[in-house]
PDB file of N, CA and C in Angstrom:
ATOM      1  N   ALA A   1      16.352  86.240 -39.769  1.00  0.00           N
ATOM      2  CA  ALA A   1      15.522  84.824 -38.865  1.00  0.00           C
ATOM      3  C   ALA A   1      16.373  84.752 -37.748  1.00  0.00           C
ATOM      4  N   LEU A   2      17.458  84.841 -37.584  1.00  0.00           N
ATOM      5  CA  LEU A   2      17.801  84.435 -35.627  1.00  0.00           C
ATOM      6  C   LEU A   2      16.550  85.254 -35.039  1.00  0.00           C
ATOM      7  N   PRO A   3      16.653  85.968 -35.313  1.00  0.00           N
ATOM      8  CA  PRO A   3      15.653  86.500 -34.263  1.00  0.00           C
ATOM      9  C   PRO A   3      14.699  85.906 -33.710  1.00  0.00           C
ATOM     10  N   ARG A   4      13.876  85.191 -34.848  1.00  0.00           N
ATOM     11  CA  ARG A   4      12.625  84.789 -34.845  1.00  0.00           C
ATOM     12  C   ARG A   4      12.887  83.240 -34.619  1.00  0.00           C
ATOM     13  N   LEU A   5      14.422  82.749 -34.584  1.00  0.00           N
ATOM     14  CA  LEU A   5      13.913  81.408 -34.637  1.00  0.00           C
ATOM     15  C   LEU A   5      14.700  81.477 -32.522  1.00  0.00           C
ATOM     16  N   THR A   6      15.129  82.526 -32.108  1.00  0.00           N
ATOM     17  CA  THR A   6      15.316  82.884 -30.282  1.00  0.00           C
ATOM     18  C   THR A   6      14.191  82.847 -29.579  1.00  0.00           C
ATOM     19  N   ASP A   7      13.125  83.324 -30.210  1.00  0.00           N
ATOM     20  CA  ASP A   7      12.403  83.898 -29.279  1.00  0.00           C
ATOM     21  C   ASP A   7      10.912  82.578 -29.319  1.00  0.00           C
ATOM     22  N   ARG A   8      10.159  81.800 -28.288  1.00  0.00           N
ATOM     23  CA  ARG A   8       8.913  81.056 -28.122  1.00  0.00           C
ATOM     24  C   ARG A   8       8.320  81.356 -29.055  1.00  0.00           C
ATOM     25  N   GLU A   9       7.943  82.876 -28.857  1.00  0.00           N
ATOM     26  CA  GLU A   9       6.208  82.760 -28.982  1.00  0.00           C
ATOM     27  C   GLU A   9       6.730  83.343 -30.671  1.00  0.00           C
ATOM     28  N   LYS A  10       7.733  83.900 -31.102  1.00  0.00           N
ATOM     29  CA  LYS A  10       7.829  83.947 -32.170  1.00  0.00           C
ATOM     30  C   LYS A  10       8.118  82.785 -33.231  1.00  0.00           C
ATOM     31  N   VAL A  11       8.579  81.900 -32.656  1.00  0.00           N
ATOM     32  CA  VAL A  11       8.662  80.721 -32.929  1.00  0.00           C
ATOM     33  C   VAL A  11       7.578  80.283 -33.700  1.00  0.00           C
ATOM     34  N   ALA A  12       6.292  79.990 -32.520  1.00  0.00           N
ATOM     35  CA  ALA A  12       5.341  79.326 -33.432  1.00  0.00           C
ATOM     36  C   ALA A  12       4.778  80.844 -33.468  1.00  0.00           C
ATOM     37  N   GLU A  13       4.816  81.128 -33.646  1.00  0.00           N
ATOM     38  CA  GLU A  13       4.319  82.589 -34.930  1.00  0.00           C
ATOM     39  C   GLU A  13       4.140  82.081 -36.783  1.00  0.00           C
ATOM     40  N   ILE A  14       5.465  81.428 -36.903  1.00  0.00           N
ATOM     41  CA  ILE A  14       6.114  81.061 -38.061  1.00  0.00           C
ATOM     42  C   ILE A  14       5.119  79.885 -38.185  1.00  0.00           C
ATOM     43  N   MET A  15       4.687  79.304 -37.796  1.00  0.00           N
ATOM     44  CA  MET A  15       4.152  77.331 -38.353  1.00  0.00           C
ATOM     45  C   MET A  15       3.465  77.852 -38.666  1.00  0.00           C
ATOM     46  N   ASP A  16       2.764  76.978 -39.977  1.00  0.00           N
ATOM     47  CA  ASP A  16       1.934  76.624 -40.567  1.00  0.00           C
ATOM     48  C   ASP A  16       0.529  77.133 -39.791  1.00  0.00           C
ATOM     49  N   PRO A  17      -0.447  77.420 -39.777  1.00  0.00           N
ATOM     50  CA  PRO A  17      -1.314  77.643 -39.054  1.00  0.00           C
ATOM     51  C   PRO A  17      -2.196  75.925 -39.774  1.00  0.00           C
ATOM     52  N   ALA A  18      -1.692  74.817 -40.671  1.00  0.00           N
ATOM     53  CA  ALA A  18      -2.384  74.171 -41.039  1.00  0.00           C
ATOM     54  C   ALA A  18      -1.754  73.017 -40.338  1.00  0.00           C
ATOM     55  N   LEU A  19      -0.875  73.073 -39.894  1.00  0.00           N
ATOM     56  CA  LEU A  19      -0.323  72.311 -38.850  1.00  0.00           C
ATOM     57  C   LEU A  19      -0.443  72.459 -37.234  1.00  0.00           C
ATOM     58  N   VAL A  20      -1.853  73.062 -37.057  1.00  0.00           N
ATOM     59  CA  VAL A  20      -1.334  72.688 -35.278  1.00  0.00           C
ATOM     60  C   VAL A  20      -1.987  71.752 -35.105  1.00  0.00           C
ATOM     61  N   GLY A  21      -2.393  71.137 -33.861  1.00  0.00           N
ATOM     62  CA  GLY A  21      -2.084  69.999 -33.437  1.00  0.00           C
ATOM     63  C   GLY A  21      -1.336  68.808 -33.499  1.00  0.00           C
ATOM     64  N   GLN A  22      -0.246  69.325 -34.848  1.00  0.00           N
ATOM     65  CA  GLN A  22       0.791  67.866 -34.566  1.00  0.00           C
ATOM     66  C   GLN A  22       1.883  67.479 -34.636  1.00  0.00           C
ATOM     67  N   TYR A  23       1.903  69.042 -34.287  1.00  0.00           N
ATOM     68  CA  TYR A  23       3.722  68.890 -33.168  1.00  0.00           C
ATOM     69  C   TYR A  23       3.060  70.061 -31.987  1.00  0.00           C
ATOM     70  N   SER A  24       4.881  69.218 -31.981  1.00  0.00           N
ATOM     71  CA  SER A  24       4.477  70.666 -30.081  1.00  0.00           C
ATOM     72  C   SER A  24       5.127  70.951 -29.626  1.00  0.00           C
ATOM     73  N   LEU A  25       4.883  72.110 -28.445  1.00  0.00           N
ATOM     74  CA  LEU A  25       5.203  73.302 -29.640  1.00  0.00           C
ATOM     75  C   LEU A  25       6.734  73.506 -28.772  1.00  0.00           C
ATOM     76  N   LYS A  26       7.355  72.671 -27.668  1.00  0.00           N
ATOM     77  CA  LYS A  26       8.567  72.140 -26.869  1.00  0.00           C
ATOM     78  C   LYS A  26       9.082  71.951 -28.177  1.00  0.00           C
ATOM     79  N   GLU A  27       9.104  70.341 -28.928  1.00  0.00           N
ATOM     80  CA  GLU A  27      10.040  70.500 -30.217  1.00  0.00           C
ATOM     81  C   GLU A  27      10.001  71.074 -30.693  1.00  0.00           C
ATOM     82  N   VAL A  28       8.996  72.080 -31.240  1.00  0.00           N
ATOM     83  CA  VAL A  28       9.230  73.159 -32.500  1.00  0.00           C
ATOM     84  C   VAL A  28      10.318  73.642 -31.778  1.00  0.00           C
ATOM     85  N   VAL A  29      10.138  74.380 -30.159  1.00  0.00           N
ATOM     86  CA  VAL A  29      11.233  75.391 -29.520  1.00  0.00           C
ATOM     87  C   VAL A  29      12.921  74.519 -30.261  1.00  0.00           C
ATOM     88  N   GLN A  30      12.843  72.951 -29.080  1.00  0.00           N
ATOM     89  CA  GLN A  30      14.246  72.770 -29.221  1.00  0.00           C
ATOM     90  C   GLN A  30      14.945  72.800 -31.285  1.00  0.00           C
ATOM     91  N   VAL A  31      13.620  72.241 -32.473  1.00  0.00           N
ATOM     92  CA  VAL A  31      14.480  72.717 -33.368  1.00  0.00           C
ATOM     93  C   VAL A  31      15.004  73.529 -34.189  1.00  0.00           C
ATOM     94  N   ALA A  32      13.958  74.827 -33.813  1.00  0.00           N
ATOM     95  CA  ALA A  32      14.028  76.112 -33.626  1.00  0.00           C
ATOM     96  C   ALA A  32      15.248  76.149 -33.282  1.00  0.00           C
ATOM     97  N   ALA A  33      15.901  76.380 -32.580  1.00  0.00           N
ATOM     98  CA  ALA A  33      17.315  76.624 -31.696  1.00  0.00           C
ATOM     99  C   ALA A  33      18.759  75.453 -31.930  1.00  0.00           C
ATOM    100  N   ILE A  34      18.569  74.359 -32.970  1.00  0.00           N
ATOM    101  CA  ILE A  34      19.068  74.290 -33.743  1.00  0.00           C
ATOM    102  C   ILE A  34      19.313  74.890 -34.744  1.00  0.00           C
ATOM    103  N   ALA A  35      17.959  75.316 -35.706  1.00  0.00           N
ATOM    104  CA  ALA A  35      17.621  75.678 -37.196  1.00  0.00           C
ATOM    105  C   ALA A  35      18.721  77.201 -36.657  1.00  0.00           C
ATOM    106  N   ALA A  36      18.713  77.764 -35.413  1.00  0.00           N
ATOM    107  CA  ALA A  36      19.755  79.762 -35.371  1.00  0.00           C
ATOM    108  C   ALA A  36      21.169  79.687 -34.902  1.00  0.00           C
ATOM    109  N   MET A  37      21.319  78.096 -34.531  1.00  0.00           N
ATOM    110  CA  MET A  37      22.479  78.217 -34.244  1.00  0.00           C
ATOM    111  C   MET A  37      23.362  77.327 -35.426  1.00  0.00           C
ATOM    112  N   CYS A  38      22.360  77.037 -36.062  1.00  0.00           N
ATOM    113  CA  CYS A  38      23.240  76.743 -38.428  1.00  0.00           C
ATOM    114  C   CYS A  38      22.846  78.141 -39.014  1.00  0.00           C
ATOM    115  N   VAL A  39      22.396  79.896 -38.084  1.00  0.00           N
ATOM    116  CA  VAL A  39      21.989  80.212 -39.225  1.00  0.00           C
ATOM    117  C   VAL A  39      23.380  81.621 -39.076  1.00  0.00           C
ATOM    118  N   GLN A  40      23.917  81.346 -38.464  1.00  0.00           N
ATOM    119  CA  GLN A  40      25.435  82.039 -37.104  1.00  0.00           C
ATOM    120  C   GLN A  40      26.424  83.134 -38.561  1.00  0.00           C
ATOM    121  N   SER A  41      26.409  84.088 -38.545  1.00  0.00           N
ATOM    122  CA  SER A  41      26.682  84.722 -39.093  1.00  0.00           C
ATOM    123  C   SER A  41      28.633  84.328 -39.381  1.00  0.00           C
ATOM    124  N   GLU A  42      29.619  84.279 -38.491  1.00  0.00           N
ATOM    125  CA  GLU A  42      30.317  83.599 -38.350  1.00  0.00           C
ATOM    126  C   GLU A  42      30.177  81.806 -38.597  1.00  0.00           C
ATOM    127  N   ALA A  43      30.804  81.819 -39.149  1.00  0.00           N
ATOM    128  CA  ALA A  43      31.301  80.027 -39.310  1.00  0.00           C
ATOM    129  C   ALA A  43      31.373  79.476 -38.814  1.00  0.00           C
ATOM    130  N   ASP A  44      32.718  79.459 -37.937  1.00  0.00           N
ATOM    131  CA  ASP A  44      32.872  78.585 -36.548  1.00  0.00           C
ATOM    132  C   ASP A  44      32.235  78.672 -36.124  1.00  0.00           C
ATOM    133  N   TYR A  45      30.719  80.073 -35.644  1.00  0.00           N
ATOM    134  CA  TYR A  45      30.899  79.760 -35.049  1.00  0.00           C
ATOM    135  C   TYR A  45      29.756  78.270 -35.076  1.00  0.00           C
ATOM    136  N   ARG A  46      28.784  77.345 -36.516  1.00  0.00           N
ATOM    137  CA  ARG A  46      28.240  77.110 -36.700  1.00  0.00           C
ATOM    138  C   ARG A  46      28.354  75.302 -36.196  1.00  0.00           C
ATOM    139  N   PRO A  47      27.284  74.730 -36.080  1.00  0.00           N
ATOM    140  CA  PRO A  47      27.325  73.901 -35.935  1.00  0.00           C
ATOM    141  C   PRO A  47      28.076  72.512 -37.260  1.00  0.00           C
ATOM    142  N   LEU A  48      29.053  71.784 -36.231  1.00  0.00           N
ATOM    143  CA  LEU A  48      28.748  70.661 -37.679  1.00  0.00           C
ATOM    144  C   LEU A  48      27.780  70.213 -38.168  1.00  0.00           C
ATOM    145  N   MET A  49      27.731  69.413 -39.534  1.00  0.00           N
ATOM    146  CA  MET A  49      26.899  68.020 -39.810  1.00  0.00           C
ATOM    147  C   MET A  49      26.153  67.412 -38.836  1.00  0.00           C
ATOM    148  N   ALA A  50      26.457  67.087 -38.739  1.00  0.00           N
ATOM    149  CA  ALA A  50      27.046  65.297 -37.893  1.00  0.00           C
ATOM    150  C   ALA A  50      26.749  65.814 -36.341  1.00  0.00           C
ATOM    151  N   ASP A  51      26.931  66.476 -35.883  1.00  0.00           N
ATOM    152  CA  ASP A  51      25.962  67.638 -35.193  1.00  0.00           C
ATOM    153  C   ASP A  51      25.420  67.236 -34.837  1.00  0.00           C
ATOM    154  N   VAL A  52      24.117  68.639 -36.074  1.00  0.00           N
ATOM    155  CA  VAL A  52      23.227  68.955 -36.615  1.00  0.00           C
ATOM    156  C   VAL A  52      22.880  67.319 -36.417  1.00  0.00           C
ATOM    157  N   VAL A  53      22.774  66.448 -36.750  1.00  0.00           N
ATOM    158  CA  VAL A  53      22.187  65.201 -37.482  1.00  0.00           C
ATOM    159  C   VAL A  53      21.891  64.444 -36.565  1.00  0.00           C
ATOM    160  N   GLN A  54      22.799  64.431 -34.646  1.00  0.00           N
ATOM    161  CA  GLN A  54      23.159  63.833 -33.931  1.00  0.00           C
ATOM    162  C   GLN A  54      22.541  64.355 -32.335  1.00  0.00           C
ATOM    163  N   SER A  55      21.614  66.357 -32.721  1.00  0.00           N
ATOM    164  CA  SER A  55      20.930  66.510 -32.270  1.00  0.00           C
ATOM    165  C   SER A  55      19.512  66.522 -32.835  1.00  0.00           C
ATOM    166  N   LEU A  56      19.032  65.991 -33.174  1.00  0.00           N
ATOM    167  CA  LEU A  56      18.271  65.553 -34.737  1.00  0.00           C
ATOM    168  C   LEU A  56      17.311  64.434 -33.854  1.00  0.00           C
ATOM    169  N   VAL A  57      18.227  63.844 -34.351  1.00  0.00           N
ATOM    170  CA  VAL A  57      17.706  62.514 -34.310  1.00  0.00           C
ATOM    171  C   VAL A  57      16.934  61.921 -33.085  1.00  0.00           C
ATOM    172  N   PRO A  58      17.257  62.683 -32.071  1.00  0.00           N
ATOM    173  CA  PRO A  58      16.574  61.445 -30.075  1.00  0.00           C
ATOM    174  C   PRO A  58      14.687  62.995 -30.597  1.00  0.00           C
ATOM    175  N   LEU A  59      14.905  63.188 -31.043  1.00  0.00           N
ATOM    176  CA  LEU A  59      13.663  64.121 -32.056  1.00  0.00           C
ATOM    177  C   LEU A  59      13.027  63.859 -33.042  1.00  0.00           C
ATOM    178  N   VAL A  60      13.286  63.277 -33.740  1.00  0.00           N
ATOM    179  CA  VAL A  60      13.389  61.776 -34.881  1.00  0.00           C
ATOM    180  C   VAL A  60      12.061  61.324 -33.980  1.00  0.00           C
ATOM    181  N   LYS A  61      13.345  60.627 -33.076  1.00  0.00           N
ATOM    182  CA  LYS A  61      13.315  59.523 -32.396  1.00  0.00           C
ATOM    183  C   LYS A  61      12.187  59.432 -31.208  1.00  0.00           C
ATOM    184  N   HIS A  62      12.075  59.909 -30.770  1.00  0.00           N
ATOM    185  CA  HIS A  62      10.681  60.848 -29.898  1.00  0.00           C
ATOM    186  C   HIS A  62       9.160  61.127 -30.869  1.00  0.00           C
ATOM    187  N   ARG A  63       9.088  61.185 -31.446  1.00  0.00           N
ATOM    188  CA  ARG A  63       8.386  61.796 -32.901  1.00  0.00           C
ATOM    189  C   ARG A  63       7.755  60.694 -33.298  1.00  0.00           C
ATOM    190  N   LYS A  64       8.170  59.811 -33.337  1.00  0.00           N
ATOM    191  CA  LYS A  64       7.406  58.293 -34.351  1.00  0.00           C
ATOM    192  C   LYS A  64       7.413  57.723 -33.298  1.00  0.00           C
ATOM    193  N   ALA A  65       7.619  57.452 -32.035  1.00  0.00           N
ATOM    194  CA  ALA A  65       6.958  56.872 -31.261  1.00  0.00           C
ATOM    195  C   ALA A  65       5.921  57.711 -30.626  1.00  0.00           C
ATOM    196  N   THR A  66       6.535  58.758 -30.120  1.00  0.00           N
ATOM    197  CA  THR A  66       4.343  58.947 -29.905  1.00  0.00           C
ATOM    198  C   THR A  66       4.200  59.990 -31.158  1.00  0.00           C
ATOM    199  N   SER A  67       3.756  59.237 -32.527  1.00  0.00           N
ATOM    200  CA  SER A  67       3.265  59.673 -33.008  1.00  0.00           C
ATOM    201  C   SER A  67       2.260  59.314 -33.480  1.00  0.00           C
ATOM    202  N   LYS A  68       0.686  59.434 -33.831  1.00  0.00           N
ATOM    203  CA  LYS A  68      -0.200  59.107 -33.661  1.00  0.00           C
ATOM    204  C   LYS A  68      -0.758  59.292 -35.253  1.00  0.00           C
ATOM    205  N   VAL A  69      -0.282  60.172 -36.226  1.00  0.00           N
ATOM    206  CA  VAL A  69      -0.784  60.339 -37.019  1.00  0.00           C
ATOM    207  C   VAL A  69      -0.059  58.968 -38.461  1.00  0.00           C
ATOM    208  N   GLY A  70       0.519  58.295 -38.681  1.00  0.00           N
ATOM    209  CA  GLY A  70       1.512  57.687 -39.099  1.00  0.00           C
ATOM    210  C   GLY A  70       2.678  58.063 -40.133  1.00  0.00           C
ATOM    211  N   ASN A  71       2.636  58.406 -40.700  1.00  0.00           N
ATOM    212  CA  ASN A  71       4.256  58.526 -41.755  1.00  0.00           C
ATOM    213  C   ASN A  71       3.570  60.992 -41.855  1.00  0.00           C
ATOM    214  N   SER A  72       4.621  61.498 -40.795  1.00  0.00           N
ATOM    215  CA  SER A  72       4.604  62.919 -41.805  1.00  0.00           C
ATOM    216  C   SER A  72       5.511  62.955 -42.617  1.00  0.00           C
ATOM    217  N   PRO A  73       6.174  63.838 -43.616  1.00  0.00           N
ATOM    218  CA  PRO A  73       6.697  63.495 -44.387  1.00  0.00           C
ATOM    219  C   PRO A  73       8.014  64.658 -43.776  1.00  0.00           C
ATOM    220  N   GLY A  74       9.688  65.002 -44.093  1.00  0.00           N
ATOM    221  CA  GLY A  74      10.130  65.130 -43.792  1.00  0.00           C
ATOM    222  C   GLY A  74      10.641  64.496 -41.980  1.00  0.00           C
ATOM    223  N   LEU A  75       9.618  63.293 -41.293  1.00  0.00           N
ATOM    224  CA  LEU A  75      10.003  62.554 -40.100  1.00  0.00           C
ATOM    225  C   LEU A  75      10.546  61.295 -39.816  1.00  0.00           C
ATOM    226  N   HIS A  76      10.023  60.355 -41.353  1.00  0.00           N
ATOM    227  CA  HIS A  76      11.071  59.228 -41.450  1.00  0.00           C
ATOM    228  C   HIS A  76      12.186  59.539 -42.241  1.00  0.00           C
ATOM    229  N   SER A  77      11.933  58.096 -42.837  1.00  0.00           N
ATOM    230  CA  SER A  77      13.400  57.538 -44.092  1.00  0.00           C
ATOM    231  C   SER A  77      14.850  59.203 -43.438  1.00  0.00           C
ATOM    232  N   PRO A  78      15.359  58.620 -42.470  1.00  0.00           N
ATOM    233  CA  PRO A  78      16.725  59.699 -42.955  1.00  0.00           C
ATOM    234  C   PRO A  78      17.427  59.580 -43.645  1.00  0.00           C
ATOM    235  N   ARG A  79      18.445  60.792 -44.415  1.00  0.00           N
ATOM    236  CA  ARG A  79      18.896  60.344 -45.452  1.00  0.00           C
ATOM    237  C   ARG A  79      20.568  59.785 -44.559  1.00  0.00           C
ATOM    238  N   SER A  80      20.773  59.183 -46.047  1.00  0.00           N
ATOM    239  CA  SER A  80      21.978  58.123 -44.743  1.00  0.00           C
ATOM    240  C   SER A  80      23.595  58.975 -45.029  1.00  0.00           C
ATOM    241  N   ALA A  81      24.482  58.738 -43.993  1.00  0.00           N
ATOM    242  CA  ALA A  81      25.324  59.831 -44.523  1.00  0.00           C
ATOM    243  C   ALA A  81      26.698  60.239 -44.684  1.00  0.00           C
ATOM    244  N   ALA A  82      26.540  58.984 -45.692  1.00  0.00           N
ATOM    245  CA  ALA A  82      27.540  58.486 -45.547  1.00  0.00           C
ATOM    246  C   ALA A  82      27.923  59.664 -47.769  1.00  0.00           C
ATOM    247  N   GLY A  83      28.386  59.198 -48.131  1.00  0.00           N
ATOM    248  CA  GLY A  83      29.746  60.440 -49.136  1.00  0.00           C
ATOM    249  C   GLY A  83      28.635  62.057 -49.126  1.00  0.00           C
ATOM    250  N   SER A  84      27.761  62.375 -47.629  1.00  0.00           N
ATOM    251  CA  SER A  84      28.070  63.694 -47.543  1.00  0.00           C
ATOM    252  C   SER A  84      29.253  64.345 -46.966  1.00  0.00           C
ATOM    253  N   ASP A  85      28.743  65.902 -46.667  1.00  0.00           N
ATOM    254  CA  ASP A  85      29.703  66.263 -45.775  1.00  0.00           C
ATOM    255  C   ASP A  85      28.931  66.782 -44.490  1.00  0.00           C
ATOM    256  N   ALA A  86      28.642  65.921 -43.665  1.00  0.00           N
ATOM    257  CA  ALA A  86      28.554  65.230 -42.149  1.00  0.00           C
ATOM    258  C   ALA A  86      29.125  65.686 -41.339  1.00  0.00           C
ATOM    259  N   GLY A  87      30.704  65.988 -41.535  1.00  0.00           N
ATOM    260  CA  GLY A  87      32.135  66.265 -40.997  1.00  0.00           C
ATOM    261  C   GLY A  87      32.060  68.058 -41.038  1.00  0.00           C
ATOM    262  N   THR A  88      31.932  68.881 -42.617  1.00  0.00           N
ATOM    263  CA  THR A  88      32.005  69.758 -42.043  1.00  0.00           C
ATOM    264  C   THR A  88      30.993  71.416 -41.698  1.00  0.00           C
ATOM    265  N   PRO A  89      30.750  72.352 -41.155  1.00  0.00           N
ATOM    266  CA  PRO A  89      30.558  73.140 -41.026  1.00  0.00           C
ATOM    267  C   PRO A  89      29.792  73.865 -42.093  1.00  0.00           C
ATOM    268  N   ILE A  90      27.794  74.098 -41.423  1.00  0.00           N
ATOM    269  CA  ILE A  90      26.594  74.976 -43.037  1.00  0.00           C
ATOM    270  C   ILE A  90      26.903  75.859 -42.790  1.00  0.00           C
TER     271      ILE A  90
END
């Protein structure tokens, strides 16, 4: 998974063709970079979930502000971090 997540062209190749035009490649690359950090083989190199959320929130807010579609599954209604393992590595 890691090589595909760190190469801009390969990231575009793994996107669902049905979603073409519904996302910006820049945002996809940013999310892939975050995902690449989460799948590091050494747990010490993986970010805390709180850091992952902190990195994703601006992307979701930007997406909500520029969205023409309205409700997109997975982009709205973030889950509460209360009671989660927000402070532990994934």
